[in-house]
Amino acid sequence: MKLVSLAITAAEEESSTSTAASPGITGWIFTFVLAIAAAFLIYDMVRRIRKVRYREEVIQEISEEEAALEEARELERERREREEKNK
């Protein structure tokens, strides 16, 4: 009796550990596809963030150039007014 119960528990342990521990090829494929999808999403997000950052930098450069141009115009206007007063 004891021998039979030992054989049954040994068979149960062997069958439960061999199949329950491994998800098999389906689990591996699912994990691989999930990793590829995550990598694509991360790449796309970085690309979009970079595009927004560059756009903001260009807008800032343009506004700085416009401010410098306006300042140069103002200085030129003041110089002309001083020249007219001195004449």
Protein backbone atom coordinates (compact mmCIF):
# COMPACT_ATOMS: atom_id res chain seq x y z
CA MET A 1 0.00 0.00 0.00
CA LYS A 2 2.76 2.39 0.93
CA LEU A 3 4.60 1.60 -2.29
CA VAL A 4 1.53 2.39 -4.40
CA SER A 5 0.98 5.74 -2.70
CA LEU A 6 4.65 6.64 -3.20
CA ALA A 7 4.39 5.77 -6.90
CA ILE A 8 1.23 7.90 -7.31
CA THR A 9 2.72 10.94 -5.57
CA ALA A 10 5.94 10.59 -7.60
CA ALA A 11 3.94 10.46 -10.84
CA GLU A 12 1.87 13.49 -9.80
CA GLU A 13 4.99 15.49 -8.92
CA GLU A 14 6.66 14.58 -12.19
CA SER A 15 3.67 15.49 -14.36
CA SER A 16 2.90 18.74 -12.54
CA THR A 17 6.45 20.05 -12.62
CA SER A 18 7.20 19.23 -16.23
CA THR A 19 4.16 20.91 -17.81
CA ALA A 20 3.20 23.57 -15.26
CA ALA A 21 6.67 25.13 -15.18
CA SER A 22 6.94 25.87 -18.88
CA PRO A 23 4.48 27.99 -20.89
CA GLY A 24 5.67 26.31 -24.05
CA ILE A 25 6.18 27.77 -27.50
CA THR A 26 2.91 29.73 -27.34
CA GLY A 27 4.06 31.62 -24.27
CA TRP A 28 7.43 32.33 -25.84
CA ILE A 29 5.85 33.65 -29.05
CA PHE A 30 3.42 35.83 -27.08
CA THR A 31 6.25 37.27 -24.99
CA PHE A 32 8.35 37.93 -28.12
CA VAL A 33 5.46 39.70 -29.89
CA LEU A 34 4.78 41.76 -26.75
CA ALA A 35 8.45 42.79 -26.54
CA ILE A 36 8.48 43.81 -30.22
CA ALA A 37 5.31 45.87 -29.74
CA ALA A 38 6.76 47.59 -26.66
CA ALA A 39 9.99 48.40 -28.53
CA PHE A 40 8.02 49.88 -31.43
CA LEU A 41 5.89 52.01 -29.09
CA ILE A 42 8.96 53.31 -27.26
CA TYR A 43 10.69 54.15 -30.56
CA ASP A 44 7.59 55.96 -31.84
CA MET A 45 7.17 57.91 -28.59
CA VAL A 46 10.81 59.05 -28.62
CA ARG A 47 10.46 60.15 -32.26
CA ARG A 48 7.33 62.18 -31.51
CA ILE A 49 8.85 63.81 -28.42
CA ARG A 50 11.97 64.72 -30.40
CA LYS A 51 9.82 66.27 -33.15
CA VAL A 52 7.90 68.41 -30.62
CA ARG A 53 11.14 69.48 -28.93
CA TYR A 54 12.73 70.52 -32.24
CA ARG A 55 9.60 72.42 -33.23
CA GLU A 56 9.68 74.33 -29.92
CA GLU A 57 13.38 75.14 -30.40
CA VAL A 58 12.74 76.50 -33.90
CA ILE A 59 9.85 78.64 -32.68
CA GLN A 60 12.04 80.01 -29.88
CA GLU A 61 14.89 80.79 -32.30
CA ILE A 62 12.51 82.60 -34.65
CA SER A 63 11.06 84.68 -31.82
CA GLU A 64 14.57 85.56 -30.62
CA GLU A 65 15.55 86.61 -34.15
CA GLU A 66 12.42 88.72 -34.46
CA ALA A 67 13.13 90.37 -31.10
CA ALA A 68 16.72 91.12 -32.15
CA LEU A 69 15.50 92.53 -35.47
CA GLU A 70 12.94 94.71 -33.70
CA GLU A 71 15.62 95.93 -31.29
CA ALA A 72 17.92 96.76 -34.23
CA ARG A 73 15.09 98.69 -35.91
CA GLU A 74 14.42 100.60 -32.70
CA LEU A 75 18.12 101.49 -32.33
CA GLU A 76 18.24 102.63 -35.96
CA ARG A 77 15.14 104.77 -35.44
CA GLU A 78 16.67 106.39 -32.34
CA ARG A 79 19.94 107.04 -34.20
CA ARG A 80 18.06 108.76 -37.04
CA GLU A 81 16.12 110.91 -34.59
CA ARG A 82 19.37 112.00 -32.91
CA GLU A 83 20.93 112.80 -36.28
CA GLU A 84 17.90 114.90 -37.27
CA LYS A 85 18.06 116.81 -33.99
CA ASN A 86 21.77 117.49 -34.45
CA LYS A 87 21.27 118.96 -37.94
